[in-house]
Amino acid sequence: MQIQINTANNIDGREALVSAVEADVRAGLSRFGDRLTRLEVHIGDEANGHSGPADTRCMMEARPQGQGPLTVTDHAATPDKAVSGALRKMTTALDREFGKQDTRRGH
């Protein structure tokens, strides 16, 4: 599974964040690795540096083999929390999608 991580220019500690996000995504989605071709993560500060309760957005787009993309978004106060929330949502979405496929195939 190829992982691509994009951050907005106004995110502090971008390089460290990218490394941490990649490790979290690989660990969190490892059981789906053979069924996904690519996962894109986009992290941005929607308040442009102003603080707020949920001003950081993390959008994840997974590309299952031979299917259309699945996309989830989470908003939180920090990039770490936004990534964690989006990762939870993506795990749920992939469980649901692959569960449907497996049920149709009789597994």
PDB file of N, CA and C in Angstrom:
ATOM      1  N   MET A   1       0.849  -1.170   0.000  1.00  0.00           N
ATOM      2  CA  MET A   1       0.000   0.000   0.000  1.00  0.00           C
ATOM      3  C   MET A   1       0.897   1.236   0.000  1.00  0.00           C
ATOM      4  N   GLN A   2       0.640   2.109  -0.940  1.00  0.00           N
ATOM      5  CA  GLN A   2       1.371   3.363  -1.035  1.00  0.00           C
ATOM      6  C   GLN A   2       0.647   4.399  -0.182  1.00  0.00           C
ATOM      7  N   ILE A   3       1.397   5.152   0.613  1.00  0.00           N
ATOM      8  CA  ILE A   3       0.808   6.182   1.464  1.00  0.00           C
ATOM      9  C   ILE A   3       1.376   7.527   1.048  1.00  0.00           C
ATOM     10  N   GLN A   4       0.475   8.480   0.787  1.00  0.00           N
ATOM     11  CA  GLN A   4       0.881   9.836   0.425  1.00  0.00           C
ATOM     12  C   GLN A   4       0.279  10.781   1.452  1.00  0.00           C
ATOM     13  N   ILE A   5       1.119  11.617   2.062  1.00  0.00           N
ATOM     14  CA  ILE A   5       0.661  12.533   3.100  1.00  0.00           C
ATOM     15  C   ILE A   5       0.942  13.957   2.660  1.00  0.00           C
ATOM     16  N   ASN A   6      -0.092  14.789   2.677  1.00  0.00           N
ATOM     17  CA  ASN A   6       0.027  16.192   2.303  1.00  0.00           C
ATOM     18  C   ASN A   6      -0.388  17.045   3.496  1.00  0.00           C
ATOM     19  N   THR A   7       0.405  18.080   3.799  1.00  0.00           N
ATOM     20  CA  THR A   7       0.043  18.992   4.873  1.00  0.00           C
ATOM     21  C   THR A   7       0.026  20.414   4.338  1.00  0.00           C
ATOM     22  N   ALA A   8      -0.776  21.238   4.970  1.00  0.00           N
ATOM     23  CA  ALA A   8      -0.808  22.653   4.624  1.00  0.00           C
ATOM     24  C   ALA A   8       0.499  23.296   5.082  1.00  0.00           C
ATOM     25  N   ASN A   9       0.889  24.370   4.442  1.00  0.00           N
ATOM     26  CA  ASN A   9       2.133  25.054   4.786  1.00  0.00           C
ATOM     27  C   ASN A   9       2.112  25.656   6.188  1.00  0.00           C
ATOM     28  N   ASN A  10       0.926  25.917   6.725  1.00  0.00           N
ATOM     29  CA  ASN A  10       0.846  26.554   8.038  1.00  0.00           C
ATOM     30  C   ASN A  10       0.792  25.546   9.192  1.00  0.00           C
ATOM     31  N   ILE A  11       1.045  24.266   8.919  1.00  0.00           N
ATOM     32  CA  ILE A  11       1.092  23.245   9.972  1.00  0.00           C
ATOM     33  C   ILE A  11       2.503  23.220  10.560  1.00  0.00           C
ATOM     34  N   ASP A  12       2.605  23.376  11.890  1.00  0.00           N
ATOM     35  CA  ASP A  12       3.905  23.350  12.563  1.00  0.00           C
ATOM     36  C   ASP A  12       4.444  21.926  12.635  1.00  0.00           C
ATOM     37  N   GLY A  13       5.762  21.776  12.497  1.00  0.00           N
ATOM     38  CA  GLY A  13       6.419  20.475  12.623  1.00  0.00           C
ATOM     39  C   GLY A  13       5.998  19.494  11.556  1.00  0.00           C
ATOM     40  N   ARG A  14       5.929  19.950  10.329  1.00  0.00           N
ATOM     41  CA  ARG A  14       5.409  19.130   9.231  1.00  0.00           C
ATOM     42  C   ARG A  14       6.165  17.816   9.044  1.00  0.00           C
ATOM     43  N   GLU A  15       7.492  17.849   9.076  1.00  0.00           N
ATOM     44  CA  GLU A  15       8.263  16.631   8.804  1.00  0.00           C
ATOM     45  C   GLU A  15       8.027  15.568   9.875  1.00  0.00           C
ATOM     46  N   ALA A  16       8.043  15.988  11.136  1.00  0.00           N
ATOM     47  CA  ALA A  16       7.792  15.045  12.230  1.00  0.00           C
ATOM     48  C   ALA A  16       6.365  14.522  12.166  1.00  0.00           C
ATOM     49  N   LEU A  17       5.430  15.402  11.825  1.00  0.00           N
ATOM     50  CA  LEU A  17       4.027  14.995  11.715  1.00  0.00           C
ATOM     51  C   LEU A  17       3.850  13.962  10.610  1.00  0.00           C
ATOM     52  N   VAL A  18       4.475  14.182   9.468  1.00  0.00           N
ATOM     53  CA  VAL A  18       4.356  13.252   8.344  1.00  0.00           C
ATOM     54  C   VAL A  18       4.877  11.874   8.737  1.00  0.00           C
ATOM     55  N   SER A  19       6.013  11.817   9.406  1.00  0.00           N
ATOM     56  CA  SER A  19       6.575  10.531   9.840  1.00  0.00           C
ATOM     57  C   SER A  19       5.647   9.824  10.816  1.00  0.00           C
ATOM     58  N   ALA A  20       5.124  10.574  11.785  1.00  0.00           N
ATOM     59  CA  ALA A  20       4.219   9.982  12.777  1.00  0.00           C
ATOM     60  C   ALA A  20       2.923   9.505  12.139  1.00  0.00           C
ATOM     61  N   VAL A  21       2.374  10.293  11.226  1.00  0.00           N
ATOM     62  CA  VAL A  21       1.121   9.915  10.559  1.00  0.00           C
ATOM     63  C   VAL A  21       1.329   8.660   9.722  1.00  0.00           C
ATOM     64  N   GLU A  22       2.431   8.581   8.994  1.00  0.00           N
ATOM     65  CA  GLU A  22       2.684   7.395   8.179  1.00  0.00           C
ATOM     66  C   GLU A  22       2.772   6.141   9.046  1.00  0.00           C
ATOM     67  N   ALA A  23       3.466   6.236  10.172  1.00  0.00           N
ATOM     68  CA  ALA A  23       3.579   5.085  11.080  1.00  0.00           C
ATOM     69  C   ALA A  23       2.213   4.695  11.640  1.00  0.00           C
ATOM     70  N   ASP A  24       1.411   5.688  12.042  1.00  0.00           N
ATOM     71  CA  ASP A  24       0.071   5.407  12.582  1.00  0.00           C
ATOM     72  C   ASP A  24      -0.833   4.760  11.538  1.00  0.00           C
ATOM     73  N   VAL A  25      -0.781   5.275  10.318  1.00  0.00           N
ATOM     74  CA  VAL A  25      -1.622   4.743   9.242  1.00  0.00           C
ATOM     75  C   VAL A  25      -1.210   3.316   8.891  1.00  0.00           C
ATOM     76  N   ARG A  26       0.078   3.077   8.762  1.00  0.00           N
ATOM     77  CA  ARG A  26       0.548   1.713   8.459  1.00  0.00           C
ATOM     78  C   ARG A  26       0.104   0.729   9.539  1.00  0.00           C
ATOM     79  N   ALA A  27       0.250   1.115  10.799  1.00  0.00           N
ATOM     80  CA  ALA A  27      -0.147   0.238  11.900  1.00  0.00           C
ATOM     81  C   ALA A  27      -1.670   0.069  11.949  1.00  0.00           C
ATOM     82  N   GLY A  28      -2.403   1.160  11.801  1.00  0.00           N
ATOM     83  CA  GLY A  28      -3.853   1.111  11.921  1.00  0.00           C
ATOM     84  C   GLY A  28      -4.565   0.402  10.779  1.00  0.00           C
ATOM     85  N   LEU A  29      -3.974   0.443   9.596  1.00  0.00           N
ATOM     86  CA  LEU A  29      -4.622  -0.160   8.425  1.00  0.00           C
ATOM     87  C   LEU A  29      -3.858  -1.363   7.887  1.00  0.00           C
ATOM     88  N   SER A  30      -2.956  -1.918   8.669  1.00  0.00           N
ATOM     89  CA  SER A  30      -2.115  -3.022   8.193  1.00  0.00           C
ATOM     90  C   SER A  30      -2.931  -4.228   7.750  1.00  0.00           C
ATOM     91  N   ARG A  31      -4.038  -4.503   8.409  1.00  0.00           N
ATOM     92  CA  ARG A  31      -4.834  -5.678   8.017  1.00  0.00           C
ATOM     93  C   ARG A  31      -5.518  -5.507   6.666  1.00  0.00           C
ATOM     94  N   PHE A  32      -5.592  -4.268   6.165  1.00  0.00           N
ATOM     95  CA  PHE A  32      -6.186  -4.007   4.854  1.00  0.00           C
ATOM     96  C   PHE A  32      -5.127  -3.815   3.779  1.00  0.00           C
ATOM     97  N   GLY A  33      -3.851  -3.866   4.143  1.00  0.00           N
ATOM     98  CA  GLY A  33      -2.752  -3.528   3.242  1.00  0.00           C
ATOM     99  C   GLY A  33      -2.769  -4.235   1.907  1.00  0.00           C
ATOM    100  N   ASP A  34      -3.131  -5.517   1.899  1.00  0.00           N
ATOM    101  CA  ASP A  34      -3.134  -6.260   0.641  1.00  0.00           C
ATOM    102  C   ASP A  34      -4.358  -5.952  -0.216  1.00  0.00           C
ATOM    103  N   ARG A  35      -5.321  -5.237   0.336  1.00  0.00           N
ATOM    104  CA  ARG A  35      -6.536  -4.907  -0.410  1.00  0.00           C
ATOM    105  C   ARG A  35      -6.583  -3.447  -0.850  1.00  0.00           C
ATOM    106  N   LEU A  36      -5.591  -2.653  -0.427  1.00  0.00           N
ATOM    107  CA  LEU A  36      -5.538  -1.234  -0.773  1.00  0.00           C
ATOM    108  C   LEU A  36      -4.334  -0.965  -1.663  1.00  0.00           C
ATOM    109  N   THR A  37      -4.528  -0.138  -2.683  1.00  0.00           N
ATOM    110  CA  THR A  37      -3.405   0.238  -3.531  1.00  0.00           C
ATOM    111  C   THR A  37      -2.750   1.519  -3.038  1.00  0.00           C
ATOM    112  N   ARG A  38      -3.566   2.441  -2.519  1.00  0.00           N
ATOM    113  CA  ARG A  38      -3.027   3.731  -2.100  1.00  0.00           C
ATOM    114  C   ARG A  38      -3.917   4.345  -1.028  1.00  0.00           C
ATOM    115  N   LEU A  39      -3.289   5.138  -0.172  1.00  0.00           N
ATOM    116  CA  LEU A  39      -4.020   5.904   0.824  1.00  0.00           C
ATOM    117  C   LEU A  39      -3.436   7.309   0.835  1.00  0.00           C
ATOM    118  N   GLU A  40      -4.298   8.303   0.675  1.00  0.00           N
ATOM    119  CA  GLU A  40      -3.864   9.699   0.708  1.00  0.00           C
ATOM    120  C   GLU A  40      -4.392  10.342   1.982  1.00  0.00           C
ATOM    121  N   VAL A  41      -3.540  11.124   2.628  1.00  0.00           N
ATOM    122  CA  VAL A  41      -3.908  11.852   3.839  1.00  0.00           C
ATOM    123  C   VAL A  41      -3.648  13.326   3.589  1.00  0.00           C
ATOM    124  N   HIS A  42      -4.652  14.169   3.847  1.00  0.00           N
ATOM    125  CA  HIS A  42      -4.523  15.615   3.700  1.00  0.00           C
ATOM    126  C   HIS A  42      -4.823  16.249   5.052  1.00  0.00           C
ATOM    127  N   ILE A  43      -3.860  17.016   5.573  1.00  0.00           N
ATOM    128  CA  ILE A  43      -4.011  17.659   6.873  1.00  0.00           C
ATOM    129  C   ILE A  43      -3.902  19.162   6.670  1.00  0.00           C
ATOM    130  N   GLY A  44      -4.880  19.894   7.200  1.00  0.00           N
ATOM    131  CA  GLY A  44      -4.867  21.341   7.036  1.00  0.00           C
ATOM    132  C   GLY A  44      -5.436  22.057   8.238  1.00  0.00           C
ATOM    133  N   ASP A  45      -4.997  23.300   8.413  1.00  0.00           N
ATOM    134  CA  ASP A  45      -5.486  24.161   9.480  1.00  0.00           C
ATOM    135  C   ASP A  45      -6.508  25.100   8.853  1.00  0.00           C
ATOM    136  N   GLU A  46      -7.775  24.843   9.107  1.00  0.00           N
ATOM    137  CA  GLU A  46      -8.830  25.617   8.452  1.00  0.00           C
ATOM    138  C   GLU A  46      -8.996  27.011   9.034  1.00  0.00           C
ATOM    139  N   ALA A  47      -8.428  27.260  10.216  1.00  0.00           N
ATOM    140  CA  ALA A  47      -8.557  28.574  10.833  1.00  0.00           C
ATOM    141  C   ALA A  47      -7.325  29.441  10.577  1.00  0.00           C
ATOM    142  N   ASN A  48      -6.416  28.961   9.743  1.00  0.00           N
ATOM    143  CA  ASN A  48      -5.204  29.710   9.379  1.00  0.00           C
ATOM    144  C   ASN A  48      -4.447  30.249  10.583  1.00  0.00           C
ATOM    145  N   GLY A  49      -4.156  29.372  11.525  1.00  0.00           N
ATOM    146  CA  GLY A  49      -3.344  29.749  12.665  1.00  0.00           C
ATOM    147  C   GLY A  49      -4.105  30.218  13.882  1.00  0.00           C
ATOM    148  N   HIS A  50      -5.367  30.535  13.748  1.00  0.00           N
ATOM    149  CA  HIS A  50      -6.171  30.930  14.898  1.00  0.00           C
ATOM    150  C   HIS A  50      -6.628  29.672  15.617  1.00  0.00           C
ATOM    151  N   SER A  51      -6.682  29.727  16.928  1.00  0.00           N
ATOM    152  CA  SER A  51      -7.076  28.512  17.646  1.00  0.00           C
ATOM    153  C   SER A  51      -8.594  28.431  17.748  1.00  0.00           C
ATOM    154  N   GLY A  52      -9.058  27.209  17.758  1.00  0.00           N
ATOM    155  CA  GLY A  52     -10.481  26.930  17.870  1.00  0.00           C
ATOM    156  C   GLY A  52     -10.665  25.496  18.299  1.00  0.00           C
ATOM    157  N   PRO A  53     -11.892  25.121  18.625  1.00  0.00           N
ATOM    158  CA  PRO A  53     -12.120  23.768  19.138  1.00  0.00           C
ATOM    159  C   PRO A  53     -11.919  22.662  18.107  1.00  0.00           C
ATOM    160  N   ALA A  54     -12.111  22.956  16.857  1.00  0.00           N
ATOM    161  CA  ALA A  54     -11.983  21.910  15.829  1.00  0.00           C
ATOM    162  C   ALA A  54     -11.539  22.546  14.523  1.00  0.00           C
ATOM    163  N   ASP A  55     -10.384  23.181  14.546  1.00  0.00           N
ATOM    164  CA  ASP A  55      -9.950  23.898  13.355  1.00  0.00           C
ATOM    165  C   ASP A  55      -8.961  23.145  12.479  1.00  0.00           C
ATOM    166  N   THR A  56      -8.536  21.950  12.905  1.00  0.00           N
ATOM    167  CA  THR A  56      -7.647  21.142  12.081  1.00  0.00           C
ATOM    168  C   THR A  56      -8.446  20.036  11.408  1.00  0.00           C
ATOM    169  N   ARG A  57      -8.275  19.913  10.090  1.00  0.00           N
ATOM    170  CA  ARG A  57      -9.024  18.917   9.320  1.00  0.00           C
ATOM    171  C   ARG A  57      -8.068  17.855   8.802  1.00  0.00           C
ATOM    172  N   CYS A  58      -8.493  16.601   8.895  1.00  0.00           N
ATOM    173  CA  CYS A  58      -7.757  15.499   8.285  1.00  0.00           C
ATOM    174  C   CYS A  58      -8.725  14.755   7.373  1.00  0.00           C
ATOM    175  N   MET A  59      -8.364  14.678   6.104  1.00  0.00           N
ATOM    176  CA  MET A  59      -9.163  13.943   5.130  1.00  0.00           C
ATOM    177  C   MET A  59      -8.327  12.763   4.652  1.00  0.00           C
ATOM    178  N   MET A  60      -8.913  11.573   4.663  1.00  0.00           N
ATOM    179  CA  MET A  60      -8.241  10.372   4.165  1.00  0.00           C
ATOM    180  C   MET A  60      -9.036   9.803   3.013  1.00  0.00           C
ATOM    181  N   GLU A  61      -8.313   9.379   1.979  1.00  0.00           N
ATOM    182  CA  GLU A  61      -8.928   8.736   0.827  1.00  0.00           C
ATOM    183  C   GLU A  61      -8.204   7.418   0.577  1.00  0.00           C
ATOM    184  N   ALA A  62      -8.937   6.320   0.694  1.00  0.00           N
ATOM    185  CA  ALA A  62      -8.381   4.992   0.450  1.00  0.00           C
ATOM    186  C   ALA A  62      -8.809   4.518  -0.925  1.00  0.00           C
ATOM    187  N   ARG A  63      -7.902   3.833  -1.598  1.00  0.00           N
ATOM    188  CA  ARG A  63      -8.186   3.271  -2.919  1.00  0.00           C
ATOM    189  C   ARG A  63      -8.130   1.743  -2.842  1.00  0.00           C
ATOM    190  N   PRO A  64      -9.283   1.105  -2.601  1.00  0.00           N
ATOM    191  CA  PRO A  64      -9.305  -0.365  -2.631  1.00  0.00           C
ATOM    192  C   PRO A  64      -9.074  -0.857  -4.060  1.00  0.00           C
ATOM    193  N   GLN A  65      -8.430  -2.000  -4.195  1.00  0.00           N
ATOM    194  CA  GLN A  65      -8.140  -2.566  -5.510  1.00  0.00           C
ATOM    195  C   GLN A  65      -9.429  -2.801  -6.282  1.00  0.00           C
ATOM    196  N   GLY A  66      -9.479  -2.265  -7.493  1.00  0.00           N
ATOM    197  CA  GLY A  66     -10.605  -2.495  -8.388  1.00  0.00           C
ATOM    198  C   GLY A  66     -11.899  -1.813  -7.988  1.00  0.00           C
ATOM    199  N   GLN A  67     -11.837  -0.818  -7.118  1.00  0.00           N
ATOM    200  CA  GLN A  67     -13.048  -0.130  -6.651  1.00  0.00           C
ATOM    201  C   GLN A  67     -12.824   1.370  -6.650  1.00  0.00           C
ATOM    202  N   GLY A  68     -13.901   2.071  -6.411  1.00  0.00           N
ATOM    203  CA  GLY A  68     -13.820   3.516  -6.263  1.00  0.00           C
ATOM    204  C   GLY A  68     -13.255   3.882  -4.900  1.00  0.00           C
ATOM    205  N   PRO A  69     -12.827   5.124  -4.746  1.00  0.00           N
ATOM    206  CA  PRO A  69     -12.221   5.543  -3.488  1.00  0.00           C
ATOM    207  C   PRO A  69     -13.233   5.674  -2.353  1.00  0.00           C
ATOM    208  N   LEU A  70     -12.742   5.499  -1.126  1.00  0.00           N
ATOM    209  CA  LEU A  70     -13.513   5.742   0.094  1.00  0.00           C
ATOM    210  C   LEU A  70     -12.875   6.944   0.773  1.00  0.00           C
ATOM    211  N   THR A  71     -13.684   7.915   1.184  1.00  0.00           N
ATOM    212  CA  THR A  71     -13.163   9.132   1.783  1.00  0.00           C
ATOM    213  C   THR A  71     -13.821   9.396   3.124  1.00  0.00           C
ATOM    214  N   VAL A  72     -13.010   9.802   4.097  1.00  0.00           N
ATOM    215  CA  VAL A  72     -13.511  10.208   5.412  1.00  0.00           C
ATOM    216  C   VAL A  72     -12.818  11.503   5.809  1.00  0.00           C
ATOM    217  N   THR A  73     -13.463  12.274   6.684  1.00  0.00           N
ATOM    218  CA  THR A  73     -12.904  13.529   7.167  1.00  0.00           C
ATOM    219  C   THR A  73     -13.171  13.644   8.659  1.00  0.00           C
ATOM    220  N   ASP A  74     -12.209  14.213   9.386  1.00  0.00           N
ATOM    221  CA  ASP A  74     -12.400  14.479  10.806  1.00  0.00           C
ATOM    222  C   ASP A  74     -11.820  15.850  11.124  1.00  0.00           C
ATOM    223  N   HIS A  75     -12.478  16.559  12.030  1.00  0.00           N
ATOM    224  CA  HIS A  75     -12.020  17.862  12.506  1.00  0.00           C
ATOM    225  C   HIS A  75     -11.702  17.740  13.989  1.00  0.00           C
ATOM    226  N   ALA A  76     -10.604  18.359  14.416  1.00  0.00           N
ATOM    227  CA  ALA A  76     -10.216  18.319  15.827  1.00  0.00           C
ATOM    228  C   ALA A  76      -9.350  19.540  16.137  1.00  0.00           C
ATOM    229  N   ALA A  77      -8.995  19.673  17.399  1.00  0.00           N
ATOM    230  CA  ALA A  77      -8.202  20.816  17.842  1.00  0.00           C
ATOM    231  C   ALA A  77      -6.733  20.708  17.440  1.00  0.00           C
ATOM    232  N   THR A  78      -6.226  19.477  17.276  1.00  0.00           N
ATOM    233  CA  THR A  78      -4.823  19.288  16.912  1.00  0.00           C
ATOM    234  C   THR A  78      -4.713  18.333  15.726  1.00  0.00           C
ATOM    235  N   PRO A  79      -3.608  18.395  14.996  1.00  0.00           N
ATOM    236  CA  PRO A  79      -3.428  17.452  13.881  1.00  0.00           C
ATOM    237  C   PRO A  79      -3.450  15.999  14.342  1.00  0.00           C
ATOM    238  N   ASP A  80      -2.820  15.696  15.481  1.00  0.00           N
ATOM    239  CA  ASP A  80      -2.793  14.316  15.984  1.00  0.00           C
ATOM    240  C   ASP A  80      -4.201  13.780  16.230  1.00  0.00           C
ATOM    241  N   LYS A  81      -5.041  14.609  16.848  1.00  0.00           N
ATOM    242  CA  LYS A  81      -6.412  14.175  17.138  1.00  0.00           C
ATOM    243  C   LYS A  81      -7.234  14.051  15.857  1.00  0.00           C
ATOM    244  N   ALA A  82      -7.015  14.941  14.905  1.00  0.00           N
ATOM    245  CA  ALA A  82      -7.743  14.869  13.635  1.00  0.00           C
ATOM    246  C   ALA A  82      -7.356  13.607  12.869  1.00  0.00           C
ATOM    247  N   VAL A  83      -6.065  13.274  12.861  1.00  0.00           N
ATOM    248  CA  VAL A  83      -5.604  12.064  12.177  1.00  0.00           C
ATOM    249  C   VAL A  83      -6.175  10.828  12.868  1.00  0.00           C
ATOM    250  N   SER A  84      -6.137  10.814  14.185  1.00  0.00           N
ATOM    251  CA  SER A  84      -6.661   9.679  14.937  1.00  0.00           C
ATOM    252  C   SER A  84      -8.150   9.470  14.658  1.00  0.00           C
ATOM    253  N   GLY A  85      -8.912  10.548  14.637  1.00  0.00           N
ATOM    254  CA  GLY A  85     -10.341  10.455  14.344  1.00  0.00           C
ATOM    255  C   GLY A  85     -10.609   9.971  12.927  1.00  0.00           C
ATOM    256  N   ALA A  86      -9.852  10.490  11.964  1.00  0.00           N
ATOM    257  CA  ALA A  86     -10.026  10.063  10.576  1.00  0.00           C
ATOM    258  C   ALA A  86      -9.621   8.603  10.402  1.00  0.00           C
ATOM    259  N   LEU A  87      -8.587   8.180  11.104  1.00  0.00           N
ATOM    260  CA  LEU A  87      -8.141   6.787  11.021  1.00  0.00           C
ATOM    261  C   LEU A  87      -9.208   5.843  11.576  1.00  0.00           C
ATOM    262  N   ARG A  88      -9.841   6.226  12.674  1.00  0.00           N
ATOM    263  CA  ARG A  88     -10.956   5.427  13.225  1.00  0.00           C
ATOM    264  C   ARG A  88     -12.094   5.321  12.214  1.00  0.00           C
ATOM    265  N   LYS A  89     -12.447   6.455  11.618  1.00  0.00           N
ATOM    266  CA  LYS A  89     -13.532   6.465  10.629  1.00  0.00           C
ATOM    267  C   LYS A  89     -13.171   5.618   9.406  1.00  0.00           C
ATOM    268  N   MET A  90     -11.916   5.693   8.957  1.00  0.00           N
ATOM    269  CA  MET A  90     -11.495   4.919   7.786  1.00  0.00           C
ATOM    270  C   MET A  90     -11.525   3.426   8.092  1.00  0.00           C
ATOM    271  N   THR A  91     -11.090   3.036   9.283  1.00  0.00           N
ATOM    272  CA  THR A  91     -11.133   1.623   9.665  1.00  0.00           C
ATOM    273  C   THR A  91     -12.567   1.108   9.633  1.00  0.00           C
ATOM    274  N   THR A  92     -13.486   1.901  10.163  1.00  0.00           N
ATOM    275  CA  THR A  92     -14.901   1.521  10.148  1.00  0.00           C
ATOM    276  C   THR A  92     -15.430   1.408   8.719  1.00  0.00           C
ATOM    277  N   ALA A  93     -15.085   2.385   7.883  1.00  0.00           N
ATOM    278  CA  ALA A  93     -15.549   2.368   6.487  1.00  0.00           C
ATOM    279  C   ALA A  93     -15.002   1.164   5.729  1.00  0.00           C
ATOM    280  N   LEU A  94     -13.725   0.847   5.939  1.00  0.00           N
ATOM    281  CA  LEU A  94     -13.129  -0.302   5.249  1.00  0.00           C
ATOM    282  C   LEU A  94     -13.699  -1.617   5.780  1.00  0.00           C
ATOM    283  N   ASP A  95     -13.906  -1.718   7.087  1.00  0.00           N
ATOM    284  CA  ASP A  95     -14.550  -2.914   7.649  1.00  0.00           C
ATOM    285  C   ASP A  95     -15.923  -3.126   7.019  1.00  0.00           C
ATOM    286  N   ARG A  96     -16.680  -2.056   6.901  1.00  0.00           N
ATOM    287  CA  ARG A  96     -18.022  -2.129   6.323  1.00  0.00           C
ATOM    288  C   ARG A  96     -17.960  -2.526   4.858  1.00  0.00           C
ATOM    289  N   GLU A  97     -17.085  -1.874   4.092  1.00  0.00           N
ATOM    290  CA  GLU A  97     -16.986  -2.142   2.653  1.00  0.00           C
ATOM    291  C   GLU A  97     -16.516  -3.563   2.372  1.00  0.00           C
ATOM    292  N   PHE A  98     -15.449  -3.973   3.023  1.00  0.00           N
ATOM    293  CA  PHE A  98     -14.929  -5.311   2.776  1.00  0.00           C
ATOM    294  C   PHE A  98     -15.835  -6.376   3.376  1.00  0.00           C
ATOM    295  N   GLY A  99     -16.544  -6.061   4.448  1.00  0.00           N
ATOM    296  CA  GLY A  99     -17.509  -6.998   5.021  1.00  0.00           C
ATOM    297  C   GLY A  99     -18.653  -7.271   4.054  1.00  0.00           C
ATOM    298  N   LYS A 100     -19.131  -6.233   3.380  1.00  0.00           N
ATOM    299  CA  LYS A 100     -20.179  -6.383   2.372  1.00  0.00           C
ATOM    300  C   LYS A 100     -19.702  -7.287   1.235  1.00  0.00           C
ATOM    301  N   GLN A 101     -18.474  -7.032   0.775  1.00  0.00           N
ATOM    302  CA  GLN A 101     -17.926  -7.834  -0.324  1.00  0.00           C
ATOM    303  C   GLN A 101     -17.784  -9.296   0.085  1.00  0.00           C
ATOM    304  N   ASP A 102     -17.253  -9.527   1.282  1.00  0.00           N
ATOM    305  CA  ASP A 102     -17.040 -10.889   1.746  1.00  0.00           C
ATOM    306  C   ASP A 102     -18.369 -11.623   1.927  1.00  0.00           C
ATOM    307  N   THR A 103     -19.405 -10.897   2.389  1.00  0.00           N
ATOM    308  CA  THR A 103     -20.716 -11.507   2.562  1.00  0.00           C
ATOM    309  C   THR A 103     -21.297 -11.902   1.199  1.00  0.00           C
ATOM    310  N   ARG A 104     -21.142 -11.031   0.206  1.00  0.00           N
ATOM    311  CA  ARG A 104     -21.648 -11.333  -1.143  1.00  0.00           C
ATOM    312  C   ARG A 104     -20.918 -12.514  -1.755  1.00  0.00           C
ATOM    313  N   ARG A 105     -19.654 -12.684  -1.416  1.00  0.00           N
ATOM    314  CA  ARG A 105     -18.868 -13.786  -1.978  1.00  0.00           C
ATOM    315  C   ARG A 105     -19.058 -15.067  -1.194  1.00  0.00           C
ATOM    316  N   GLY A 106     -19.758 -15.006  -0.067  1.00  0.00           N
ATOM    317  CA  GLY A 106     -20.015 -16.200   0.717  1.00  0.00           C
ATOM    318  C   GLY A 106     -18.927 -16.565   1.675  1.00  0.00           C
ATOM    319  N   HIS A 107     -18.090 -15.606   2.050  1.00  0.00           N
ATOM    320  CA  HIS A 107     -16.993 -15.880   2.996  1.00  0.00           C
ATOM    321  C   HIS A 107     -17.460 -15.706   4.406  1.00  0.00           C
TER     322      HIS A 107
END
